[in-house]
Protein backbone atom coordinates (compact mmCIF):
# COMPACT_ATOMS: atom_id res chain seq x y z
CA MET A 1 -0.19 0.05 0.05
CA LEU A 2 1.26 3.42 -0.97
CA LYS A 3 1.21 5.89 2.07
CA VAL A 4 -0.33 9.56 1.26
CA GLY A 5 0.48 11.86 4.13
CA ARG A 6 -0.82 9.75 6.97
CA LEU A 7 -3.28 7.84 4.98
CA CYS A 8 -2.52 4.88 2.92
CA ALA A 9 -3.83 5.02 -0.63
CA ALA A 10 -6.05 2.22 0.04
CA GLU A 11 -7.93 4.26 2.68
CA VAL A 12 -8.47 7.08 0.11
CA SER A 13 -11.90 7.00 -1.51
CA PRO A 14 -11.96 6.04 -5.14
CA LEU A 15 -13.94 9.30 -5.80
CA VAL A 16 -10.84 11.25 -4.69
CA LEU A 17 -8.45 9.02 -6.97
CA GLY A 18 -10.69 9.75 -9.95
CA LEU A 19 -9.12 8.01 -12.94
CA LEU A 20 -5.54 8.03 -11.34
CA THR A 21 -4.06 4.81 -10.19
CA GLU A 22 -2.61 4.59 -6.65
CA LYS A 23 0.77 5.26 -7.96
CA GLU A 24 -0.31 8.33 -9.93
CA TYR A 25 -2.02 9.60 -7.08
CA GLN A 26 1.33 9.19 -4.97
CA ASN A 27 3.32 10.83 -7.79
CA PRO A 28 1.18 13.10 -10.22
CA LEU A 29 4.12 13.85 -12.35
CA LEU A 30 3.87 10.22 -13.71
CA VAL A 31 0.62 11.07 -15.40
CA PHE A 32 2.40 13.86 -17.51
CA LYS A 33 5.36 11.79 -18.29
CA LYS A 34 3.10 8.85 -19.58
CA ALA A 35 0.76 11.20 -21.45
CA PHE A 36 3.61 13.01 -23.29
CA LYS A 37 5.51 9.77 -24.08
CA GLU A 38 2.40 8.68 -25.96
CA TYR A 39 1.42 12.00 -27.64
CA SER A 40 3.31 15.05 -28.46
CA ILE A 41 1.75 18.53 -27.65
CA LYS A 42 1.03 18.91 -31.33
CA GLU A 43 -1.02 15.81 -31.32
CA PHE A 44 -2.93 16.99 -27.97
CA ASP A 45 -3.60 20.26 -29.95
CA TYR A 46 -4.88 18.38 -32.77
CA PHE A 47 -7.29 16.40 -30.59
CA ILE A 48 -8.53 19.45 -28.84
CA SER A 49 -9.34 21.28 -32.09
CA GLY A 50 -11.01 18.14 -33.21
CA MET A 51 -13.11 18.11 -30.07
CA VAL A 52 -14.25 21.52 -30.69
CA TYR A 53 -15.00 20.89 -34.34
CA PHE A 54 -17.13 17.90 -33.56
CA SER A 55 -18.85 19.55 -30.52
CA MET A 56 -20.08 22.41 -32.88
CA GLY A 57 -22.04 19.68 -34.99
CA ILE A 58 -20.31 20.98 -38.31
CA TYR A 59 -18.90 17.81 -39.27
CA ASP A 60 -19.67 15.42 -42.17
CA LYS A 61 -16.96 12.65 -41.58
CA LEU A 62 -16.18 10.76 -38.45
CA PRO A 63 -12.88 11.27 -36.67
CA GLU A 64 -9.78 9.91 -38.35
CA ARG A 65 -8.27 8.45 -35.26
CA ASN A 66 -8.86 7.20 -31.70
CA MET A 67 -10.14 10.16 -29.77
CA ILE A 68 -10.68 8.54 -26.40
CA ASN A 69 -6.94 7.84 -25.41
CA PRO A 70 -6.15 11.58 -25.54
CA TYR A 71 -9.29 12.40 -23.81
CA ILE A 72 -8.53 10.01 -20.76
CA HIS A 73 -4.94 11.49 -20.78
CA LEU A 74 -6.24 14.99 -20.55
CA ILE A 75 -8.74 14.09 -17.71
CA LYS A 76 -5.89 12.51 -15.63
CA MET A 77 -3.59 15.32 -16.24
CA LEU A 78 -6.32 17.74 -14.86
CA ASP A 79 -6.73 15.49 -11.71
CA ALA A 80 -2.79 15.42 -11.45
CA ALA A 81 -2.32 19.13 -11.95
CA TYR A 82 -5.14 19.73 -9.27
CA LEU A 83 -3.08 17.35 -6.76
CA ILE A 84 0.19 19.09 -7.57
CA ILE A 85 -1.43 22.60 -6.80
CA GLU A 86 -3.12 21.26 -3.60
CA ARG A 87 -0.11 19.66 -2.03
CA LYS A 88 2.21 22.81 -3.15
CA GLY A 89 -0.36 24.87 -1.09
CA LYS A 90 0.06 22.72 1.96
CA LYS A 91 3.84 23.04 2.25
């Protein structure tokens, strides 16, 4: 079990973990390393542009590639960034 402050990660609610694994909750920087190892900033930019395009309902073709994996990475990065900011404020 990973220790987070005085709590073990197993004692942390799954709602607090979000999409993060226990290891990622312990070290949020792993989320960014994994995301940018898989996709470049340019690919994330392309993904976000595509999501805006499709959300506006002006498309006539389906997405060219998998749109789910970059989305999951972005959500995990938001969770990790929140943890980093919260932990920095407690120091």
